[in-house]
Amino acid sequence: MDQSEVRRNSELYRRLKICTDSYEAFRAANTEARAYTVDDADLSHLTPIQIEEQIRLTRTMLNRLYRHGSDLRNLSIGNPDFVPVPSVEEIGSIVHESAQERRDLEESMKRLHSVDDLPESFPSDEKR
């Protein structure tokens, strides 16, 4: 396997790890946000303090969902074999971001995700 292929595969596995980690964070937040249903699934039975806490937990869960959706889209930018699951509109609606703002961000991300622009070696490679 030549060095450019090794670099591409390394970058792909790094991005897959990021997606896995953000999915795990989302799942943990989602589980925590739904914990009240163990006692009583009826939201109308929550106290004002419990409702405030539920809003905080839901906000955290949505932020983690946004992060995971963004990570999936970022993966697909540099790896066209991975079709992005959430649409630009779906991701943006979580944080009230317009589709155009998201597309502009993705366009700038393409330059960052280009494996062809990676250096032949990294300082950490020299230690091996």
Foldseek 3Di string as FASTA:
>chain_A
DDLLVVLVVVLLVVLVVQLVVLVVQLVVLVCVLCVVVVVPNDPVPDDPVVVVVSVVSVLSNLVSVLSNLVSQVLSCLLPVVRDRDDDLVRSCVSVVHDSVNSVVVSVVSSVVSHSVPDDSDDPVVVVD
